[in-house]
């Protein structure tokens, strides 16, 4: 999915809705050690990918809530790889962590679905990482929806590698074991 193509509100909601069931389907029947095992040295495990997705959902979800709660707030850009260092997500067992991610996603979707259309255009000024820029609720929801797609492919690749299937996968981020 190209970052240049704008997604509609309906497309964003559909993509965000698909993520937890897709992860559940991909990981069904896998034992805890499999979920915490990287397919190759310096690659992420399924649990690492989930920890990253949770970190992104935390940071972007908080921005969405702040934009809606305040009039044109000024926000400091947050890098999810920095945010994750404040959590214990990488160390958590997959099952409880996935259930937390699924509950968080359900709350976000309930919140987003309740928004009147004009609320999706509310803005914030985001500083850090370069010049200040204006961002909307829709921007952050689109960002999450787009960002999760390659990570779902990454999970599929990891699971396939456990079964001896080698399929090329486009990676969205280099592993960061230090988190």
C-alpha atoms as a PDB file:
ATOM      1  CA  UNK A   1       0.000   0.000   0.000  1.00  0.00           C
ATOM      2  CA  UNK A   2       1.636   3.223  -1.119  1.00  0.00           C
ATOM      3  CA  UNK A   3       2.066   5.931   1.526  1.00  0.00           C
ATOM      4  CA  UNK A   4       1.193   8.521  -1.148  1.00  0.00           C
ATOM      5  CA  UNK A   5      -2.334   7.210  -1.698  1.00  0.00           C
ATOM      6  CA  UNK A   6      -4.793   8.609   0.802  1.00  0.00           C
ATOM      7  CA  UNK A   7      -7.037   6.095   2.512  1.00  0.00           C
ATOM      8  CA  UNK A   8     -10.658   6.896   3.207  1.00  0.00           C
ATOM      9  CA  UNK A   9     -12.001   6.742   6.744  1.00  0.00           C
ATOM     10  CA  UNK A  10     -13.808   3.507   5.843  1.00  0.00           C
ATOM     11  CA  UNK A  11     -10.604   1.953   4.463  1.00  0.00           C
ATOM     12  CA  UNK A  12      -8.673   2.954   7.574  1.00  0.00           C
ATOM     13  CA  UNK A  13     -11.301   1.430   9.851  1.00  0.00           C
ATOM     14  CA  UNK A  14     -11.385  -1.769   7.787  1.00  0.00           C
ATOM     15  CA  UNK A  15      -7.598  -2.169   7.861  1.00  0.00           C
ATOM     16  CA  UNK A  16      -7.358  -1.455  11.575  1.00  0.00           C
ATOM     17  CA  UNK A  17     -10.155  -3.964  12.209  1.00  0.00           C
ATOM     18  CA  UNK A  18      -8.343  -6.699  10.247  1.00  0.00           C
ATOM     19  CA  UNK A  19      -5.076  -6.650  12.185  1.00  0.00           C
ATOM     20  CA  UNK A  20      -5.937  -8.580  15.380  1.00  0.00           C
ATOM     21  CA  UNK A  21      -7.833 -11.420  13.607  1.00  0.00           C
ATOM     22  CA  UNK A  22      -5.045 -11.706  11.053  1.00  0.00           C
ATOM     23  CA  UNK A  23      -2.423 -12.029  13.794  1.00  0.00           C
ATOM     24  CA  UNK A  24      -4.625 -14.591  15.571  1.00  0.00           C
ATOM     25  CA  UNK A  25      -4.975 -16.657  12.393  1.00  0.00           C
ATOM     26  CA  UNK A  26      -1.253 -16.536  11.638  1.00  0.00           C
ATOM     27  CA  UNK A  27      -0.235 -17.556  15.165  1.00  0.00           C
ATOM     28  CA  UNK A  28      -2.921 -20.148  15.846  1.00  0.00           C
ATOM     29  CA  UNK A  29      -1.443 -23.323  17.254  1.00  0.00           C
ATOM     30  CA  UNK A  30       2.051 -21.943  17.804  1.00  0.00           C
ATOM     31  CA  UNK A  31       3.714 -22.701  21.125  1.00  0.00           C
ATOM     32  CA  UNK A  32       5.172 -19.938  23.303  1.00  0.00           C
ATOM     33  CA  UNK A  33       8.789 -20.787  22.399  1.00  0.00           C
ATOM     34  CA  UNK A  34       7.948 -20.489  18.688  1.00  0.00           C
ATOM     35  CA  UNK A  35       6.414 -17.057  19.206  1.00  0.00           C
ATOM     36  CA  UNK A  36       9.575 -15.860  20.959  1.00  0.00           C
ATOM     37  CA  UNK A  37      12.048 -17.382  18.480  1.00  0.00           C
ATOM     38  CA  UNK A  38      13.573 -15.325  15.677  1.00  0.00           C
ATOM     39  CA  UNK A  39      13.812 -17.074  12.309  1.00  0.00           C
ATOM     40  CA  UNK A  40      17.335 -15.719  11.736  1.00  0.00           C
ATOM     41  CA  UNK A  41      19.958 -13.945  13.773  1.00  0.00           C
ATOM     42  CA  UNK A  42      19.165 -10.212  14.085  1.00  0.00           C
ATOM     43  CA  UNK A  43      15.543 -10.674  12.987  1.00  0.00           C
ATOM     44  CA  UNK A  44      12.449 -10.189  15.066  1.00  0.00           C
ATOM     45  CA  UNK A  45      10.344 -12.944  16.565  1.00  0.00           C
ATOM     46  CA  UNK A  46       6.549 -12.825  16.311  1.00  0.00           C
ATOM     47  CA  UNK A  47       6.536 -11.489  19.873  1.00  0.00           C
ATOM     48  CA  UNK A  48       8.991  -8.734  18.888  1.00  0.00           C
ATOM     49  CA  UNK A  49       6.691  -7.679  16.036  1.00  0.00           C
ATOM     50  CA  UNK A  50       3.708  -7.619  18.394  1.00  0.00           C
ATOM     51  CA  UNK A  51       5.680  -5.526  20.902  1.00  0.00           C
ATOM     52  CA  UNK A  52       6.485  -3.054  18.114  1.00  0.00           C
ATOM     53  CA  UNK A  53       2.840  -2.902  16.968  1.00  0.00           C
ATOM     54  CA  UNK A  54       1.712  -2.247  20.533  1.00  0.00           C
ATOM     55  CA  UNK A  55       4.268   0.532  20.910  1.00  0.00           C
ATOM     56  CA  UNK A  56       3.103   2.164  17.672  1.00  0.00           C
ATOM     57  CA  UNK A  57      -0.548   1.834  18.705  1.00  0.00           C
ATOM     58  CA  UNK A  58       0.229   3.441  22.071  1.00  0.00           C
ATOM     59  CA  UNK A  59       2.061   6.415  20.595  1.00  0.00           C
ATOM     60  CA  UNK A  60      -0.249   7.089  17.640  1.00  0.00           C
ATOM     61  CA  UNK A  61      -3.421   6.359  19.614  1.00  0.00           C
ATOM     62  CA  UNK A  62      -2.376   8.848  22.272  1.00  0.00           C
ATOM     63  CA  UNK A  63      -1.785  11.484  19.592  1.00  0.00           C
ATOM     64  CA  UNK A  64      -5.273  10.859  18.191  1.00  0.00           C
ATOM     65  CA  UNK A  65      -6.883  11.243  21.619  1.00  0.00           C
ATOM     66  CA  UNK A  66      -4.911  14.428  22.367  1.00  0.00           C
ATOM     67  CA  UNK A  67      -5.790  16.015  19.015  1.00  0.00           C
ATOM     68  CA  UNK A  68      -9.453  15.368  19.721  1.00  0.00           C
ATOM     69  CA  UNK A  69      -9.322  16.570  23.326  1.00  0.00           C
ATOM     70  CA  UNK A  70      -7.470  19.840  22.730  1.00  0.00           C
ATOM     71  CA  UNK A  71      -7.652  22.651  20.189  1.00  0.00           C
ATOM     72  CA  UNK A  72      -4.639  22.367  17.863  1.00  0.00           C
ATOM     73  CA  UNK A  73      -2.241  20.985  20.479  1.00  0.00           C
ATOM     74  CA  UNK A  74       1.514  21.075  19.975  1.00  0.00           C
ATOM     75  CA  UNK A  75       2.874  17.547  20.261  1.00  0.00           C
ATOM     76  CA  UNK A  76       6.436  16.292  20.351  1.00  0.00           C
ATOM     77  CA  UNK A  77       7.079  13.538  17.796  1.00  0.00           C
ATOM     78  CA  UNK A  78       7.483  10.123  19.411  1.00  0.00           C
ATOM     79  CA  UNK A  79       9.547   7.363  17.886  1.00  0.00           C
ATOM     80  CA  UNK A  80       7.945   3.974  18.656  1.00  0.00           C
ATOM     81  CA  UNK A  81      11.384   2.398  19.098  1.00  0.00           C
ATOM     82  CA  UNK A  82      12.054   4.941  21.854  1.00  0.00           C
ATOM     83  CA  UNK A  83       8.578   4.482  23.333  1.00  0.00           C
ATOM     84  CA  UNK A  84       8.978   0.703  23.560  1.00  0.00           C
ATOM     85  CA  UNK A  85      11.941   1.141  25.912  1.00  0.00           C
ATOM     86  CA  UNK A  86       9.457   2.510  28.473  1.00  0.00           C
ATOM     87  CA  UNK A  87       7.407  -0.689  28.308  1.00  0.00           C
ATOM     88  CA  UNK A  88       7.855  -4.357  29.116  1.00  0.00           C
ATOM     89  CA  UNK A  89       6.189  -5.432  25.846  1.00  0.00           C
ATOM     90  CA  UNK A  90       9.183  -7.387  24.465  1.00  0.00           C
ATOM     91  CA  UNK A  91       9.399  -9.482  27.651  1.00  0.00           C
ATOM     92  CA  UNK A  92       5.692 -10.264  27.966  1.00  0.00           C
ATOM     93  CA  UNK A  93       4.262 -13.628  27.032  1.00  0.00           C
ATOM     94  CA  UNK A  94       2.587 -13.468  23.633  1.00  0.00           C
ATOM     95  CA  UNK A  95      -0.933 -14.517  24.705  1.00  0.00           C
ATOM     96  CA  UNK A  96      -1.555 -11.852  27.363  1.00  0.00           C
ATOM     97  CA  UNK A  97       0.214  -9.207  25.272  1.00  0.00           C
ATOM     98  CA  UNK A  98      -1.893 -10.051  22.219  1.00  0.00           C
ATOM     99  CA  UNK A  99      -5.089  -9.907  24.282  1.00  0.00           C
ATOM    100  CA  UNK A 100      -4.069  -6.431  25.511  1.00  0.00           C
ATOM    101  CA  UNK A 101      -3.360  -5.320  21.936  1.00  0.00           C
ATOM    102  CA  UNK A 102      -6.754  -6.667  20.822  1.00  0.00           C
ATOM    103  CA  UNK A 103      -8.588  -4.856  23.638  1.00  0.00           C
ATOM    104  CA  UNK A 104      -6.702  -1.645  22.895  1.00  0.00           C
ATOM    105  CA  UNK A 105      -7.594  -1.933  19.214  1.00  0.00           C
ATOM    106  CA  UNK A 106     -11.264  -2.545  20.018  1.00  0.00           C
ATOM    107  CA  UNK A 107     -11.310   0.614  22.175  1.00  0.00           C
ATOM    108  CA  UNK A 108      -9.593   2.648  19.460  1.00  0.00           C
ATOM    109  CA  UNK A 109     -12.032   1.424  16.809  1.00  0.00           C
ATOM    110  CA  UNK A 110     -15.035   2.127  19.006  1.00  0.00           C
ATOM    111  CA  UNK A 111     -13.693   5.632  19.592  1.00  0.00           C
ATOM    112  CA  UNK A 112     -12.879   6.268  15.914  1.00  0.00           C
ATOM    113  CA  UNK A 113     -16.220   4.922  14.679  1.00  0.00           C
ATOM    114  CA  UNK A 114     -18.041   7.349  16.973  1.00  0.00           C
ATOM    115  CA  UNK A 115     -16.333  10.396  15.482  1.00  0.00           C
ATOM    116  CA  UNK A 116     -18.260  12.789  13.294  1.00  0.00           C
ATOM    117  CA  UNK A 117     -16.556  13.180   9.924  1.00  0.00           C
ATOM    118  CA  UNK A 118     -15.245  16.686  10.712  1.00  0.00           C
ATOM    119  CA  UNK A 119     -13.335  15.357  13.735  1.00  0.00           C
ATOM    120  CA  UNK A 120     -11.052  13.350  11.450  1.00  0.00           C
ATOM    121  CA  UNK A 121      -9.707  16.709  10.168  1.00  0.00           C
ATOM    122  CA  UNK A 122      -8.792  18.112  13.597  1.00  0.00           C
ATOM    123  CA  UNK A 123      -5.126  19.037  13.713  1.00  0.00           C
ATOM    124  CA  UNK A 124      -2.050  19.209  15.892  1.00  0.00           C
ATOM    125  CA  UNK A 125       1.313  20.822  15.335  1.00  0.00           C
ATOM    126  CA  UNK A 126       4.004  18.155  15.675  1.00  0.00           C
ATOM    127  CA  UNK A 127       7.553  19.181  16.536  1.00  0.00           C
ATOM    128  CA  UNK A 128      10.802  17.246  16.672  1.00  0.00           C
ATOM    129  CA  UNK A 129      12.526  15.312  13.940  1.00  0.00           C
ATOM    130  CA  UNK A 130      12.738  18.338  11.630  1.00  0.00           C
ATOM    131  CA  UNK A 131      10.479  21.297  11.042  1.00  0.00           C
ATOM    132  CA  UNK A 132       7.088  21.527  12.718  1.00  0.00           C
ATOM    133  CA  UNK A 133       4.257  20.014  10.703  1.00  0.00           C
ATOM    134  CA  UNK A 134       0.507  19.886  10.895  1.00  0.00           C
ATOM    135  CA  UNK A 135      -1.018  16.431  11.367  1.00  0.00           C
ATOM    136  CA  UNK A 136      -4.639  15.302  11.555  1.00  0.00           C
ATOM    137  CA  UNK A 137      -6.509  12.515  13.284  1.00  0.00           C
ATOM    138  CA  UNK A 138      -6.908  10.916   9.852  1.00  0.00           C
ATOM    139  CA  UNK A 139      -3.155  11.148   9.233  1.00  0.00           C
ATOM    140  CA  UNK A 140      -2.348   9.145  12.369  1.00  0.00           C
ATOM    141  CA  UNK A 141      -5.100   6.589  11.740  1.00  0.00           C
ATOM    142  CA  UNK A 142      -3.842   6.152   8.164  1.00  0.00           C
ATOM    143  CA  UNK A 143      -0.283   5.848   9.454  1.00  0.00           C
ATOM    144  CA  UNK A 144      -1.258   3.012  11.786  1.00  0.00           C
ATOM    145  CA  UNK A 145      -3.256   1.193   9.111  1.00  0.00           C
ATOM    146  CA  UNK A 146      -0.439   1.425   6.551  1.00  0.00           C
ATOM    147  CA  UNK A 147       2.315   0.632   9.027  1.00  0.00           C
ATOM    148  CA  UNK A 148       0.715  -2.619  10.157  1.00  0.00           C
ATOM    149  CA  UNK A 149       0.440  -4.156   6.671  1.00  0.00           C
ATOM    150  CA  UNK A 150       4.145  -4.973   6.193  1.00  0.00           C
ATOM    151  CA  UNK A 151       4.374  -6.193   9.785  1.00  0.00           C
ATOM    152  CA  UNK A 152       1.554  -8.665   9.130  1.00  0.00           C
ATOM    153  CA  UNK A 153       3.586  -9.925   6.154  1.00  0.00           C
ATOM    154  CA  UNK A 154       6.581 -10.092   8.442  1.00  0.00           C
ATOM    155  CA  UNK A 155       4.675 -12.297  10.905  1.00  0.00           C
ATOM    156  CA  UNK A 156       3.557 -14.489   8.006  1.00  0.00           C
ATOM    157  CA  UNK A 157       7.188 -14.808   6.883  1.00  0.00           C
ATOM    158  CA  UNK A 158       8.315 -15.752  10.393  1.00  0.00           C
ATOM    159  CA  UNK A 159       5.575 -18.383  10.728  1.00  0.00           C
ATOM    160  CA  UNK A 160       6.300 -19.770   7.252  1.00  0.00           C
ATOM    161  CA  UNK A 161      10.000 -20.044   8.101  1.00  0.00           C
ATOM    162  CA  UNK A 162       9.060 -22.244  11.064  1.00  0.00           C
ATOM    163  CA  UNK A 163       7.433 -24.627   8.627  1.00  0.00           C
ATOM    164  CA  UNK A 164      10.386 -24.611   6.243  1.00  0.00           C
ATOM    165  CA  UNK A 165       8.727 -22.342   3.677  1.00  0.00           C
ATOM    166  CA  UNK A 166      10.993 -19.610   2.423  1.00  0.00           C
ATOM    167  CA  UNK A 167       9.149 -16.672   0.904  1.00  0.00           C
ATOM    168  CA  UNK A 168      10.655 -13.237   0.358  1.00  0.00           C
ATOM    169  CA  UNK A 169       9.157 -10.520   2.494  1.00  0.00           C
ATOM    170  CA  UNK A 170       9.572  -6.771   2.376  1.00  0.00           C
ATOM    171  CA  UNK A 171      10.623  -5.609   5.813  1.00  0.00           C
ATOM    172  CA  UNK A 172       9.471  -2.262   7.098  1.00  0.00           C
ATOM    173  CA  UNK A 173      12.076  -1.833   9.775  1.00  0.00           C
ATOM    174  CA  UNK A 174      15.399  -3.260  10.796  1.00  0.00           C
ATOM    175  CA  UNK A 175      15.366  -5.265  13.991  1.00  0.00           C
ATOM    176  CA  UNK A 176      16.257  -3.375  17.123  1.00  0.00           C
ATOM    177  CA  UNK A 177      17.148  -5.925  19.753  1.00  0.00           C
ATOM    178  CA  UNK A 178      18.392  -3.263  22.166  1.00  0.00           C
ATOM    179  CA  UNK A 179      14.948  -1.665  22.607  1.00  0.00           C
END
